Amino acid sequence: MKVAVLIRVYDRVEDLKYNLRIISDTWNENDYYIIVVSNGRKNGYEVLPESIPYIDKLVILEENAGHRKGNSQLLKEGAKYIPGDCRYTLILEADTWVYGDSILSGYIKLLSEDPQAVWASADWYDKYYALAMDFAIIKSEYIKNTPGIFDFELFPECHIANFLRDTNAGFIWIKENMPVHVPGYVRYGYPYVPNIKEGRFQVFPGSGMATHHTEFLKGGMEQKKRYFNILADTDYFPQVKSGNKAWNRFKMKFWIGLSKCFIKRSWYSKKKYKVIE
């Protein structure tokens, strides 16, 4: 099956370099058409020359719409280049690395079996209906028929959930990428949650995913490569020592699993749709 992969990037050009190589080396179950949309050149963030051979369509935007609208800008522009023979599109952040594409193929199959569902991604918030956008699989026809899906500014994950509701479209949660966050009261010092402000996990062993920003990691890019080796159970980055991979994966699973035991808002109140002003 031919699948479009729409990768958006502003300043994570080094992340993008490794991400493209990982896709080329380990995603073998489908035929991928890689679209990269960048809006960082004006601020000095050029897509690296070594990344170009891995890209089928490179779109460079000269004007950056800014932090709030930049993500929307990249997605709306990239959507114009989704080939007609790609029934499904994966939207992917440049800093979201996934070893292998079995998770992608599995959820494409689930979407194909559900005529109402058009979107698959992780549950982003505990309080509100919100769908993750760092790794999300979408029926391409839906993107083309409802361009407003990517027209957002604040709370993009909530916008997606609201938009699907308003267009009577369904979604599937990618459970291997959940939970995304730990409760606010345990964020400080919690393993694999380097950015205390966001409280978001860096690793997802269920899907072989390493994500988020390297500036919050002690060791930066080298630590992210180490995590990726552990998740992949192979020395994909041979120059990085990864220790006992099985033991480290067990620790990842333990701490992520333990976080599910902490009291959450969803235990005593139902999710609701956020009103976005």
Protein backbone atom coordinates (compact mmCIF):
# COMPACT_ATOMS: atom_id res chain seq x y z
CA MET A 1 0.00 0.00 0.00
CA LYS A 2 1.20 3.52 -0.79
CA VAL A 3 1.14 5.83 2.24
CA ALA A 4 1.95 9.53 2.41
CA VAL A 5 4.17 10.64 5.29
CA LEU A 6 3.83 14.36 5.96
CA ILE A 7 6.71 15.53 8.16
CA ARG A 8 6.75 19.07 9.47
CA VAL A 9 9.88 20.79 10.72
CA TYR A 10 10.92 24.19 11.98
CA ASP A 11 14.22 23.97 13.86
CA ARG A 12 14.58 20.19 14.42
CA VAL A 13 16.64 19.66 11.29
CA GLU A 14 19.09 17.25 12.96
CA ASP A 15 16.18 15.22 14.31
CA LEU A 16 14.74 15.21 10.80
CA LYS A 17 17.99 13.85 9.36
CA TYR A 18 17.91 10.81 11.65
CA ASN A 19 14.15 10.36 11.31
CA LEU A 20 14.33 10.12 7.52
CA ARG A 21 17.12 7.59 7.74
CA ILE A 22 15.17 5.48 10.27
CA ILE A 23 12.14 5.47 7.97
CA SER A 24 14.25 4.46 4.97
CA ASP A 25 16.06 1.72 6.90
CA THR A 26 13.27 0.19 8.99
CA TRP A 27 9.86 0.98 7.46
CA ASN A 28 9.42 -1.87 4.99
CA GLU A 29 5.75 -2.91 5.03
CA ASN A 30 4.40 -0.16 2.75
CA ASP A 31 5.42 2.12 -0.09
CA TYR A 32 6.01 5.58 1.40
CA TYR A 33 5.83 8.98 -0.27
CA ILE A 34 7.76 11.38 1.96
CA ILE A 35 6.64 15.01 2.11
CA VAL A 36 8.71 17.39 4.23
CA VAL A 37 7.42 20.89 4.91
CA SER A 38 9.78 23.40 6.54
CA ASN A 39 9.22 26.97 7.68
CA GLY A 40 12.51 27.63 9.46
CA ARG A 41 14.86 28.75 6.71
CA LYS A 42 14.33 32.46 7.34
CA ASN A 43 15.53 31.90 10.91
CA GLY A 44 18.56 29.88 9.85
CA TYR A 45 17.16 26.32 10.02
CA GLU A 46 17.94 24.80 6.64
CA VAL A 47 16.99 21.21 5.84
CA LEU A 48 20.37 19.46 5.80
CA PRO A 49 21.76 18.38 2.40
CA GLU A 50 22.09 14.75 3.55
CA SER A 51 18.33 14.66 4.18
CA ILE A 52 17.34 15.60 0.62
CA PRO A 53 17.78 12.14 -1.00
CA TYR A 54 15.22 10.65 1.40
CA ILE A 55 12.51 13.19 0.50
CA ASP A 56 10.05 12.83 -2.38
CA LYS A 57 8.58 16.34 -2.03
CA LEU A 58 10.31 19.14 -0.15
CA VAL A 59 8.27 22.27 0.51
CA ILE A 60 10.09 25.33 1.88
CA LEU A 61 7.91 28.12 3.24
CA GLU A 62 9.63 31.50 3.24
CA GLU A 63 7.32 33.05 5.83
CA ASN A 64 6.79 31.52 9.26
CA ALA A 65 3.31 32.06 10.67
CA GLY A 66 4.72 31.96 14.20
CA HIS A 67 4.57 29.49 17.07
CA ARG A 68 0.79 29.33 17.42
CA LYS A 69 -0.04 29.14 13.71
CA GLY A 70 3.16 27.55 12.45
CA ASN A 71 2.03 23.97 12.97
CA SER A 72 -1.24 24.66 11.18
CA GLN A 73 0.64 26.41 8.37
CA LEU A 74 2.91 23.43 7.79
CA LEU A 75 0.09 20.89 7.76
CA LYS A 76 -2.18 22.88 5.46
CA GLU A 77 0.61 23.47 2.98
CA GLY A 78 1.84 19.87 3.07
CA ALA A 79 -1.66 18.50 2.56
CA LYS A 80 -1.68 20.02 -0.92
CA TYR A 81 0.97 17.52 -2.02
CA ILE A 82 -0.60 14.26 -0.79
CA PRO A 83 -0.70 12.01 -3.89
CA GLY A 84 -4.08 10.82 -5.08
CA ASP A 85 -3.06 7.17 -4.82
CA CYS A 86 -2.22 7.43 -1.10
CA ARG A 87 -5.34 6.34 0.78
CA TYR A 88 -3.73 7.08 4.13
CA THR A 89 -1.50 9.87 5.41
CA LEU A 90 0.73 9.83 8.46
CA ILE A 91 1.43 13.24 9.95
CA LEU A 92 4.71 13.13 11.83
CA GLU A 93 6.81 15.55 13.85
CA ALA A 94 10.43 15.69 12.76
CA ASP A 95 11.57 14.74 16.27
CA THR A 96 9.32 11.67 16.55
CA TRP A 97 11.34 8.56 15.69
CA VAL A 98 9.67 5.16 15.33
CA TYR A 99 11.54 1.91 14.78
CA GLY A 100 9.73 -0.12 12.13
CA ASP A 101 6.29 0.45 10.67
CA SER A 102 4.26 -2.43 12.10
CA ILE A 103 2.38 0.00 14.38
CA LEU A 104 1.46 2.07 11.33
CA SER A 105 0.31 -0.91 9.28
CA GLY A 106 -1.75 -2.26 12.17
CA TYR A 107 -3.73 0.93 12.65
CA ILE A 108 -4.20 1.44 8.92
CA LYS A 109 -5.89 -1.96 8.95
CA LEU A 110 -8.13 -0.91 11.85
CA LEU A 111 -9.08 2.30 10.06
CA SER A 112 -9.88 0.36 6.88
CA GLU A 113 -12.27 -1.83 8.86
CA ASP A 114 -14.12 1.09 10.45
CA PRO A 115 -16.08 3.19 7.93
CA GLN A 116 -16.71 5.99 10.45
CA ALA A 117 -13.17 6.37 11.82
CA VAL A 118 -10.88 8.69 9.85
CA TRP A 119 -8.13 9.36 12.40
CA ALA A 120 -5.89 7.29 14.68
CA SER A 121 -3.55 8.71 17.33
CA ALA A 122 -2.95 8.79 21.08
CA ASP A 123 -5.25 10.31 23.67
CA TRP A 124 -3.50 13.60 24.48
CA TYR A 125 -5.27 15.00 27.57
CA ASP A 126 -6.99 13.36 30.50
CA LYS A 127 -9.59 16.09 30.99
CA TYR A 128 -10.54 16.90 27.39
CA TYR A 129 -11.09 14.97 24.20
CA ALA A 130 -7.85 15.65 22.37
CA LEU A 131 -5.89 13.70 19.77
CA ALA A 132 -2.11 13.62 19.48
CA MET A 133 -0.56 15.11 16.36
CA ASP A 134 3.06 14.00 16.62
CA PHE A 135 2.14 10.59 15.14
CA ALA A 136 -1.34 10.43 13.61
CA ILE A 137 -2.76 8.31 10.80
CA ILE A 138 -5.55 9.87 8.75
CA LYS A 139 -7.64 8.81 5.80
CA SER A 140 -6.35 11.06 3.01
CA GLU A 141 -9.80 11.52 1.51
CA TYR A 142 -10.96 13.12 4.76
CA ILE A 143 -8.08 15.62 4.69
CA LYS A 144 -8.93 16.62 1.13
CA ASN A 145 -12.68 16.85 1.70
CA THR A 146 -12.50 18.76 5.01
CA PRO A 147 -9.54 21.19 4.79
CA GLY A 148 -10.56 22.86 8.06
CA ILE A 149 -9.14 19.90 9.96
CA PHE A 150 -5.77 21.69 10.13
CA ASP A 151 -7.09 25.22 10.61
CA PHE A 152 -6.23 25.84 14.26
CA GLU A 153 -4.25 28.17 16.50
CA LEU A 154 -4.68 27.27 20.16
CA PHE A 155 -5.03 23.74 21.57
CA PRO A 156 -4.54 21.91 18.27
CA GLU A 157 -5.16 18.46 19.79
CA CYS A 158 -8.52 19.65 21.14
CA HIS A 159 -9.33 21.29 17.81
CA ILE A 160 -8.90 17.94 16.06
CA ALA A 161 -11.27 16.18 18.46
CA ASN A 162 -13.83 18.97 18.16
CA PHE A 163 -13.58 19.00 14.38
CA LEU A 164 -14.12 15.24 14.12
CA ARG A 165 -17.17 15.56 16.38
CA ASP A 166 -18.58 18.40 14.28
CA THR A 167 -18.13 16.46 11.03
CA ASN A 168 -19.56 13.23 12.49
CA ALA A 169 -16.25 11.44 12.01
CA GLY A 170 -14.76 8.88 14.37
CA PHE A 171 -11.29 8.13 15.67
CA ILE A 172 -9.23 5.30 17.08
CA TRP A 173 -6.80 5.69 19.97
CA ILE A 174 -3.30 4.33 19.43
CA LYS A 175 -2.97 2.72 22.85
CA GLU A 176 0.70 1.81 22.41
CA ASN A 177 1.45 5.55 22.58
CA MET A 178 -0.51 6.07 25.80
CA PRO A 179 -0.42 7.51 28.36
CA VAL A 180 1.25 10.58 26.92
CA HIS A 181 1.54 12.54 30.18
CA VAL A 182 1.88 11.90 33.89
CA PRO A 183 -0.38 13.76 36.36
CA GLY A 184 0.92 17.20 37.28
CA TYR A 185 1.51 16.34 40.92
CA VAL A 186 4.15 13.67 40.12
CA ARG A 187 5.96 15.31 37.21
CA TYR A 188 9.04 16.48 39.09
CA GLY A 189 11.78 13.87 38.79
CA TYR A 190 9.55 11.22 37.23
CA PRO A 191 11.57 8.87 34.99
CA TYR A 192 11.40 9.46 31.23
CA VAL A 193 9.63 12.80 31.70
CA PRO A 194 12.46 15.30 31.05
CA ASN A 195 10.31 18.41 30.54
CA ILE A 196 8.66 19.00 33.91
CA LYS A 197 6.44 21.78 32.53
CA GLU A 198 4.80 19.51 29.95
CA GLY A 199 4.99 16.25 31.90
CA ARG A 200 5.23 14.24 28.71
CA PHE A 201 6.91 10.86 28.32
CA GLN A 202 10.00 10.72 26.13
CA VAL A 203 9.71 7.03 25.22
CA PHE A 204 6.92 4.66 24.21
CA PRO A 205 8.17 1.06 24.23
CA GLY A 206 4.84 -0.29 22.96
CA SER A 207 5.42 1.32 19.58
CA GLY A 208 9.21 1.69 19.54
CA MET A 209 8.91 5.48 19.65
CA ALA A 210 11.35 8.07 20.97
CA THR A 211 10.08 11.61 20.81
CA HIS A 212 10.22 15.12 22.21
CA HIS A 213 12.93 17.75 22.46
CA THR A 214 16.56 16.86 23.08
CA GLU A 215 17.31 20.09 25.00
CA PHE A 216 15.46 18.65 27.98
CA LEU A 217 17.50 15.46 27.97
CA LYS A 218 20.68 15.11 29.97
CA GLY A 219 23.06 14.11 27.20
CA GLY A 220 20.94 15.66 24.46
CA MET A 221 20.92 13.89 21.11
CA GLU A 222 23.23 11.14 22.33
CA GLN A 223 20.74 10.21 25.04
CA LYS A 224 17.91 10.16 22.52
CA LYS A 225 19.93 7.80 20.32
CA ARG A 226 20.56 5.62 23.38
CA TYR A 227 16.83 5.48 24.12
CA PHE A 228 16.15 4.59 20.50
CA ASN A 229 18.63 1.71 20.58
CA ILE A 230 16.92 0.39 23.70
CA LEU A 231 13.45 0.69 22.18
CA ALA A 232 14.59 -0.95 18.94
CA ASP A 233 16.52 -3.68 20.78
CA THR A 234 19.37 -3.19 18.37
CA ASP A 235 22.41 -0.94 18.02
CA TYR A 236 20.86 1.19 15.32
CA PHE A 237 23.21 3.96 16.39
CA PRO A 238 26.34 1.83 16.88
CA GLN A 239 28.47 4.65 18.28
CA VAL A 240 26.20 4.97 21.35
CA LYS A 241 26.52 2.51 24.23
CA SER A 242 23.07 1.42 25.37
CA GLY A 243 23.77 -0.97 28.24
CA ASN A 244 21.40 -3.84 29.00
CA LYS A 245 18.56 -3.12 26.57
CA ALA A 246 16.13 -5.67 28.03
CA TRP A 247 16.54 -4.27 31.54
CA ASN A 248 16.18 -0.69 30.34
CA ARG A 249 13.03 -1.52 28.36
CA PHE A 250 11.61 -3.18 31.48
CA LYS A 251 12.24 0.04 33.43
CA MET A 252 10.52 2.09 30.75
CA LYS A 253 7.49 -0.18 30.80
CA PHE A 254 7.43 -0.25 34.60
CA TRP A 255 7.45 3.53 35.09
CA ILE A 256 4.98 4.19 32.29
CA GLY A 257 2.72 1.43 33.59
CA LEU A 258 2.99 2.73 37.16
CA SER A 259 1.80 6.16 36.04
CA LYS A 260 -1.55 4.62 35.14
CA CYS A 261 -2.12 3.91 38.84
CA PHE A 262 -2.00 7.56 39.95
CA ILE A 263 -5.29 9.34 40.54
CA LYS A 264 -6.46 11.12 37.41
CA ARG A 265 -9.35 13.42 36.67
CA SER A 266 -10.91 10.79 34.39
CA TRP A 267 -11.40 8.56 37.43
CA TYR A 268 -14.09 10.86 38.82
CA SER A 269 -15.28 13.00 35.91
CA LYS A 270 -16.01 12.31 32.27
CA LYS A 271 -14.00 13.75 29.42
CA LYS A 272 -15.49 16.81 27.79
CA TYR A 273 -14.90 18.79 24.64
CA LYS A 274 -12.91 21.95 25.23
CA VAL A 275 -14.46 25.22 24.15
CA ILE A 276 -11.73 26.99 22.19
CA GLU A 277 -12.12 30.77 22.12
